[in-house]
N, C-alpha and C. Protein backbone atom coordinates (compact mmCIF):
# COMPACT_ATOMS: atom_id res chain seq x y z
N UNK A 1 139.59 46.46 96.50
CA UNK A 1 139.97 46.56 95.10
C UNK A 1 140.54 45.24 94.59
N UNK A 2 141.04 44.40 95.49
CA UNK A 2 141.56 43.10 95.06
C UNK A 2 140.46 42.20 94.52
N UNK A 3 139.21 42.52 94.86
CA UNK A 3 138.08 41.73 94.38
C UNK A 3 137.47 42.33 93.12
N UNK A 4 138.13 43.33 92.54
CA UNK A 4 137.66 43.92 91.31
C UNK A 4 136.81 45.16 91.49
N UNK A 5 136.55 45.57 92.70
CA UNK A 5 135.75 46.77 92.96
C UNK A 5 136.59 48.01 92.69
N UNK A 6 135.92 49.08 92.33
CA UNK A 6 136.58 50.38 92.24
C UNK A 6 136.56 50.97 93.66
N UNK A 7 137.72 51.19 94.23
CA UNK A 7 137.83 51.66 95.62
C UNK A 7 138.55 53.00 95.63
N UNK A 8 137.99 53.93 96.37
CA UNK A 8 138.62 55.22 96.58
C UNK A 8 138.89 55.38 98.07
N UNK A 9 140.13 55.62 98.42
CA UNK A 9 140.52 55.87 99.81
C UNK A 9 140.80 57.36 99.96
N UNK A 10 140.28 57.95 101.03
CA UNK A 10 140.48 59.38 101.23
C UNK A 10 141.03 59.65 102.62
N UNK A 11 141.69 60.77 102.75
CA UNK A 11 142.14 61.24 104.05
C UNK A 11 142.43 62.72 103.96
N UNK A 12 142.77 63.29 105.10
CA UNK A 12 143.06 64.72 105.18
C UNK A 12 144.47 64.99 104.66
N UNK A 13 144.78 66.26 104.48
CA UNK A 13 146.08 66.68 103.99
C UNK A 13 147.21 66.17 104.88
N UNK A 14 146.96 66.15 106.21
CA UNK A 14 147.99 65.72 107.15
C UNK A 14 148.31 64.23 107.04
N UNK A 15 147.37 63.43 106.58
CA UNK A 15 147.54 61.96 106.59
C UNK A 15 147.62 61.33 105.22
N UNK A 16 147.42 62.10 104.16
CA UNK A 16 147.34 61.52 102.81
C UNK A 16 148.64 60.84 102.39
N UNK A 17 149.78 61.37 102.82
CA UNK A 17 151.07 60.75 102.47
C UNK A 17 151.21 59.35 103.05
N UNK A 18 150.83 59.17 104.28
CA UNK A 18 150.88 57.85 104.91
C UNK A 18 149.92 56.89 104.21
N UNK A 19 148.74 57.36 103.84
CA UNK A 19 147.79 56.52 103.13
C UNK A 19 148.37 56.07 101.79
N UNK A 20 148.99 56.98 101.07
CA UNK A 20 149.61 56.61 99.78
C UNK A 20 150.71 55.57 99.97
N UNK A 21 151.53 55.74 101.01
CA UNK A 21 152.59 54.75 101.29
C UNK A 21 152.00 53.39 101.62
N UNK A 22 150.94 53.37 102.39
CA UNK A 22 150.29 52.10 102.73
C UNK A 22 149.78 51.38 101.48
N UNK A 23 149.21 52.13 100.55
CA UNK A 23 148.72 51.53 99.31
C UNK A 23 149.90 50.98 98.50
N UNK A 24 150.99 51.74 98.42
CA UNK A 24 152.16 51.31 97.65
C UNK A 24 152.78 50.05 98.24
N UNK A 25 152.72 49.88 99.55
CA UNK A 25 153.36 48.74 100.20
C UNK A 25 152.52 47.47 100.15
N UNK A 26 151.31 47.57 99.63
CA UNK A 26 150.46 46.40 99.51
C UNK A 26 150.31 46.03 98.05
N UNK A 27 150.17 44.76 97.79
CA UNK A 27 150.10 44.25 96.42
C UNK A 27 148.66 44.29 95.94
N UNK A 28 148.33 45.30 95.14
CA UNK A 28 146.99 45.41 94.60
C UNK A 28 146.92 44.98 93.14
N UNK A 29 148.00 44.39 92.63
CA UNK A 29 148.07 43.86 91.28
C UNK A 29 147.60 44.88 90.26
N UNK A 30 146.55 44.56 89.52
CA UNK A 30 146.10 45.41 88.42
C UNK A 30 145.02 46.42 88.80
N UNK A 31 144.57 46.40 90.06
CA UNK A 31 143.45 47.26 90.43
C UNK A 31 143.72 47.98 91.75
N UNK A 32 144.73 48.87 91.78
CA UNK A 32 145.00 49.57 93.03
C UNK A 32 143.89 50.57 93.35
N UNK A 33 143.64 50.81 94.64
CA UNK A 33 142.64 51.82 94.98
C UNK A 33 143.13 53.21 94.61
N UNK A 34 142.20 54.07 94.30
CA UNK A 34 142.50 55.48 94.06
C UNK A 34 142.67 56.13 95.43
N UNK A 35 143.66 56.98 95.58
CA UNK A 35 143.89 57.71 96.82
C UNK A 35 143.64 59.19 96.53
N UNK A 36 142.73 59.79 97.31
CA UNK A 36 142.36 61.18 97.06
C UNK A 36 142.30 61.97 98.36
N UNK A 37 142.70 63.19 98.26
CA UNK A 37 142.58 64.13 99.37
C UNK A 37 141.11 64.50 99.52
N UNK A 38 140.61 64.52 100.75
CA UNK A 38 139.23 64.93 100.99
C UNK A 38 139.20 65.84 102.21
N UNK A 39 138.88 67.09 101.96
CA UNK A 39 138.73 68.08 103.02
C UNK A 39 137.24 68.35 103.16
N UNK A 40 136.66 67.93 104.28
CA UNK A 40 135.22 68.06 104.48
C UNK A 40 134.76 69.51 104.46
N UNK A 41 135.67 70.45 104.68
CA UNK A 41 135.25 71.85 104.81
C UNK A 41 135.19 72.60 103.48
N UNK A 42 135.72 72.03 102.38
CA UNK A 42 135.69 72.80 101.14
C UNK A 42 134.79 72.21 100.05
N UNK A 43 134.28 71.02 100.23
CA UNK A 43 133.32 70.40 99.30
C UNK A 43 133.83 70.36 97.86
N UNK A 44 135.10 70.08 97.70
CA UNK A 44 135.73 69.94 96.39
C UNK A 44 135.84 68.45 96.10
N UNK A 45 135.07 67.98 95.12
CA UNK A 45 135.02 66.53 94.85
C UNK A 45 135.49 66.17 93.45
N UNK A 46 136.27 67.04 92.81
CA UNK A 46 136.64 66.80 91.41
C UNK A 46 137.44 65.51 91.21
N UNK A 47 138.15 65.05 92.25
CA UNK A 47 138.92 63.81 92.13
C UNK A 47 138.09 62.57 92.48
N UNK A 48 136.85 62.78 92.85
CA UNK A 48 135.99 61.69 93.29
C UNK A 48 134.91 61.41 92.25
N UNK A 49 134.24 60.27 92.39
CA UNK A 49 133.21 59.87 91.44
C UNK A 49 131.91 59.50 92.15
N UNK A 50 131.28 60.47 92.82
CA UNK A 50 130.04 60.15 93.53
C UNK A 50 128.89 59.95 92.54
N UNK A 51 127.80 59.34 92.96
CA UNK A 51 127.58 58.78 94.30
C UNK A 51 128.23 57.41 94.43
N UNK A 52 128.56 57.05 95.64
CA UNK A 52 129.20 55.77 95.93
C UNK A 52 128.17 54.76 96.42
N UNK A 53 128.46 53.48 96.18
CA UNK A 53 127.61 52.39 96.67
C UNK A 53 127.81 52.19 98.16
N UNK A 54 129.05 52.35 98.60
CA UNK A 54 129.41 52.11 100.00
C UNK A 54 130.40 53.17 100.45
N UNK A 55 130.16 53.75 101.60
CA UNK A 55 131.09 54.69 102.23
C UNK A 55 131.38 54.16 103.62
N UNK A 56 132.65 54.02 103.95
CA UNK A 56 133.05 53.54 105.27
C UNK A 56 133.92 54.60 105.92
N UNK A 57 133.58 54.95 107.15
CA UNK A 57 134.36 55.93 107.90
C UNK A 57 134.69 55.38 109.27
N UNK A 58 135.92 55.55 109.68
CA UNK A 58 136.35 55.09 111.00
C UNK A 58 137.07 56.23 111.69
N UNK A 59 136.70 56.47 112.95
CA UNK A 59 137.31 57.52 113.74
C UNK A 59 137.19 58.88 113.05
N UNK A 60 135.98 59.18 112.57
CA UNK A 60 135.74 60.44 111.86
C UNK A 60 134.89 61.43 112.66
N UNK A 61 134.41 61.02 113.82
CA UNK A 61 133.59 61.89 114.66
C UNK A 61 134.41 62.27 115.88
N UNK A 62 135.05 63.45 115.83
CA UNK A 62 135.95 63.80 116.94
C UNK A 62 135.93 65.26 117.31
N UNK A 63 135.57 66.15 116.40
CA UNK A 63 135.53 67.58 116.70
C UNK A 63 134.15 68.15 116.40
N UNK A 64 133.61 68.92 117.33
CA UNK A 64 132.29 69.52 117.13
C UNK A 64 132.24 70.35 115.85
N UNK A 65 133.31 71.08 115.56
CA UNK A 65 133.32 71.97 114.39
C UNK A 65 133.30 71.21 113.06
N UNK A 66 133.61 69.91 113.10
CA UNK A 66 133.65 69.13 111.86
C UNK A 66 132.41 68.26 111.64
N UNK A 67 131.49 68.23 112.61
CA UNK A 67 130.30 67.40 112.46
C UNK A 67 129.48 67.85 111.26
N UNK A 68 129.17 69.12 111.15
CA UNK A 68 128.40 69.64 110.01
C UNK A 68 129.08 69.38 108.67
N UNK A 69 130.37 69.75 108.54
CA UNK A 69 131.05 69.47 107.28
C UNK A 69 131.12 67.98 106.93
N UNK A 70 131.31 67.12 107.92
CA UNK A 70 131.33 65.67 107.66
C UNK A 70 129.97 65.22 107.12
N UNK A 71 128.89 65.62 107.78
CA UNK A 71 127.56 65.21 107.34
C UNK A 71 127.23 65.76 105.95
N UNK A 72 127.65 66.99 105.66
CA UNK A 72 127.42 67.55 104.32
C UNK A 72 128.19 66.75 103.28
N UNK A 73 129.42 66.37 103.60
CA UNK A 73 130.22 65.57 102.68
C UNK A 73 129.57 64.21 102.43
N UNK A 74 129.10 63.55 103.49
CA UNK A 74 128.42 62.27 103.33
C UNK A 74 127.18 62.42 102.46
N UNK A 75 126.43 63.49 102.67
CA UNK A 75 125.23 63.73 101.86
C UNK A 75 125.60 63.98 100.39
N UNK A 76 126.65 64.74 100.16
CA UNK A 76 127.08 65.06 98.80
C UNK A 76 127.58 63.84 98.04
N UNK A 77 128.19 62.89 98.74
CA UNK A 77 128.81 61.73 98.08
C UNK A 77 127.90 60.51 98.03
N UNK A 78 126.67 60.64 98.52
CA UNK A 78 125.79 59.48 98.60
C UNK A 78 124.46 59.74 97.92
N UNK A 79 123.69 58.67 97.80
CA UNK A 79 122.31 58.72 97.36
C UNK A 79 121.53 57.77 98.26
N UNK A 80 120.21 57.72 98.17
CA UNK A 80 119.46 56.88 99.11
C UNK A 80 119.86 55.40 99.11
N UNK A 81 120.41 54.89 98.03
CA UNK A 81 120.81 53.48 98.00
C UNK A 81 122.20 53.24 98.58
N UNK A 82 122.94 54.30 98.86
CA UNK A 82 124.30 54.17 99.40
C UNK A 82 124.27 53.65 100.83
N UNK A 83 125.08 52.66 101.11
CA UNK A 83 125.29 52.18 102.47
C UNK A 83 126.43 52.98 103.07
N UNK A 84 126.20 53.62 104.19
CA UNK A 84 127.24 54.37 104.88
C UNK A 84 127.46 53.71 106.23
N UNK A 85 128.66 53.26 106.47
CA UNK A 85 129.02 52.64 107.74
C UNK A 85 130.03 53.53 108.45
N UNK A 86 129.68 53.93 109.65
CA UNK A 86 130.55 54.81 110.44
C UNK A 86 130.86 54.11 111.76
N UNK A 87 132.13 53.92 112.00
CA UNK A 87 132.60 53.33 113.24
C UNK A 87 133.00 54.46 114.18
N UNK A 88 132.32 54.54 115.33
CA UNK A 88 132.49 55.67 116.23
C UNK A 88 132.97 55.18 117.59
N UNK A 89 134.03 55.78 118.07
CA UNK A 89 134.44 55.61 119.46
C UNK A 89 134.13 56.93 120.13
N UNK A 90 133.09 56.97 120.97
CA UNK A 90 132.68 58.26 121.55
C UNK A 90 133.72 58.82 122.52
N UNK A 91 134.70 59.53 121.96
CA UNK A 91 135.76 60.15 122.78
C UNK A 91 135.23 61.39 123.49
N UNK A 92 134.34 62.09 122.81
CA UNK A 92 133.75 63.32 123.34
C UNK A 92 132.24 63.16 123.24
N UNK A 93 131.58 63.00 124.37
CA UNK A 93 130.13 62.72 124.38
C UNK A 93 129.33 63.83 123.70
N UNK A 94 129.75 65.08 123.86
CA UNK A 94 129.03 66.19 123.22
C UNK A 94 129.11 66.06 121.70
N UNK A 95 130.29 65.80 121.17
CA UNK A 95 130.47 65.65 119.74
C UNK A 95 129.70 64.44 119.22
N UNK A 96 129.76 63.34 119.95
CA UNK A 96 129.05 62.12 119.56
C UNK A 96 127.54 62.39 119.47
N UNK A 97 126.98 63.02 120.49
CA UNK A 97 125.54 63.31 120.50
C UNK A 97 125.17 64.32 119.42
N UNK A 98 126.04 65.30 119.18
CA UNK A 98 125.80 66.28 118.12
C UNK A 98 125.74 65.57 116.77
N UNK A 99 126.66 64.63 116.55
CA UNK A 99 126.66 63.87 115.30
C UNK A 99 125.34 63.11 115.13
N UNK A 100 124.93 62.39 116.17
CA UNK A 100 123.68 61.63 116.09
C UNK A 100 122.48 62.54 115.85
N UNK A 101 122.41 63.65 116.56
CA UNK A 101 121.28 64.57 116.41
C UNK A 101 121.23 65.17 115.00
N UNK A 102 122.36 65.66 114.53
CA UNK A 102 122.39 66.30 113.21
C UNK A 102 122.25 65.29 112.07
N UNK A 103 122.80 64.10 112.25
CA UNK A 103 122.73 63.07 111.21
C UNK A 103 121.31 62.55 111.03
N UNK A 104 120.51 62.63 112.09
CA UNK A 104 119.16 62.06 112.02
C UNK A 104 118.23 62.86 111.10
N UNK A 105 118.63 64.05 110.70
CA UNK A 105 117.81 64.84 109.78
C UNK A 105 117.95 64.32 108.34
N UNK A 106 119.18 64.29 107.77
CA UNK A 106 119.28 63.82 106.38
C UNK A 106 119.41 62.30 106.24
N UNK A 107 119.64 61.59 107.34
CA UNK A 107 119.90 60.15 107.27
C UNK A 107 119.03 59.37 108.25
N UNK A 108 118.72 58.15 107.87
CA UNK A 108 118.17 57.19 108.82
C UNK A 108 119.38 56.53 109.46
N UNK A 109 119.35 56.33 110.77
CA UNK A 109 120.51 55.78 111.49
C UNK A 109 120.11 54.50 112.19
N UNK A 110 120.94 53.47 112.02
CA UNK A 110 120.76 52.21 112.75
C UNK A 110 122.07 51.88 113.45
N UNK A 111 121.97 51.47 114.71
CA UNK A 111 123.14 50.95 115.42
C UNK A 111 123.22 49.48 115.07
N UNK A 112 124.26 49.09 114.34
CA UNK A 112 124.34 47.69 113.92
C UNK A 112 125.38 46.90 114.70
N UNK A 113 126.20 47.58 115.51
CA UNK A 113 127.20 46.84 116.28
C UNK A 113 126.54 45.89 117.26
N UNK A 114 125.36 46.23 117.78
CA UNK A 114 124.67 45.36 118.73
C UNK A 114 124.17 44.09 118.06
N UNK A 115 124.05 44.11 116.73
CA UNK A 115 123.56 42.94 116.01
C UNK A 115 124.69 42.01 115.56
N UNK A 116 125.92 42.41 115.79
CA UNK A 116 127.06 41.59 115.40
C UNK A 116 127.25 40.42 116.35
N UNK A 117 127.87 39.40 115.87
CA UNK A 117 128.24 38.27 116.71
C UNK A 117 129.07 38.80 117.89
N UNK A 118 128.89 38.23 119.05
CA UNK A 118 129.57 38.69 120.27
C UNK A 118 131.08 38.79 120.08
N UNK A 119 131.64 37.93 119.27
CA UNK A 119 133.09 37.95 119.02
C UNK A 119 133.54 39.26 118.38
N UNK A 120 132.64 39.93 117.66
CA UNK A 120 132.99 41.15 116.94
C UNK A 120 132.50 42.42 117.63
N UNK A 121 131.91 42.29 118.79
CA UNK A 121 131.43 43.47 119.52
C UNK A 121 132.52 44.02 120.42
N UNK A 122 132.46 45.32 120.61
CA UNK A 122 133.43 46.01 121.44
C UNK A 122 132.65 47.05 122.25
N UNK A 123 132.84 47.07 123.53
CA UNK A 123 132.08 47.99 124.37
C UNK A 123 132.43 49.45 124.16
N UNK A 124 133.53 49.75 123.48
CA UNK A 124 133.96 51.13 123.29
C UNK A 124 133.59 51.69 121.92
N UNK A 125 133.31 50.83 120.99
CA UNK A 125 133.10 51.27 119.61
C UNK A 125 131.67 50.94 119.18
N UNK A 126 131.06 51.89 118.48
CA UNK A 126 129.72 51.69 117.95
C UNK A 126 129.79 51.74 116.43
N UNK A 127 129.15 50.78 115.80
CA UNK A 127 129.08 50.76 114.34
C UNK A 127 127.68 51.22 113.94
N UNK A 128 127.64 52.30 113.15
CA UNK A 128 126.38 52.89 112.71
C UNK A 128 126.21 52.69 111.21
N UNK A 129 124.96 52.46 110.81
CA UNK A 129 124.63 52.44 109.40
C UNK A 129 123.75 53.65 109.13
N UNK A 130 124.14 54.45 108.15
CA UNK A 130 123.37 55.61 107.75
C UNK A 130 122.85 55.38 106.34
N UNK A 131 121.61 55.75 106.12
CA UNK A 131 121.01 55.71 104.78
C UNK A 131 120.38 57.07 104.54
N UNK A 132 120.71 57.67 103.42
CA UNK A 132 120.18 58.99 103.08
C UNK A 132 118.67 58.91 102.91
N UNK A 133 117.99 59.83 103.53
CA UNK A 133 116.52 59.87 103.41
C UNK A 133 116.14 60.32 101.99
N UNK A 134 115.09 59.73 101.49
CA UNK A 134 114.57 60.15 100.18
C UNK A 134 113.77 61.44 100.39
N UNK A 135 113.99 62.38 99.52
CA UNK A 135 113.23 63.62 99.58
C UNK A 135 111.81 63.36 99.09
N UNK A 136 110.83 63.96 99.75
CA UNK A 136 109.44 63.78 99.29
C UNK A 136 109.26 64.34 97.89
N UNK A 137 108.48 63.63 97.10
CA UNK A 137 108.21 64.09 95.72
C UNK A 137 107.24 65.26 95.77
N UNK A 138 107.50 66.24 94.93
CA UNK A 138 106.64 67.43 94.90
C UNK A 138 105.52 67.27 93.91
């Protein structure tokens, strides 16, 4: 947002207070980011302004029960031109594989961490780029 972009930061009910404090403690001058609650399980987006140009998620793939709701939320907030970057640390191999399998239906997936300069690579973290598939014209 310091570069003039409209930025929306989201988190769960448990973490939204800390996110708001972090925003307040940083100098965003005239363009502070919007902070909004986002619960992947209820699909309530009234405080948001989709579709977004860029969606970034870090440490969002962790529970099997949330894979479907996360993917539905990403689909709801994006369009085919949206760049979605997801940083994944595979803590649970079953959940990680479930995410990849289910995401491959509505999204094209590229592993881009392998293409980063060696200085920015980490053996524990994978950076994925998702692009929403275009629906075939009828």
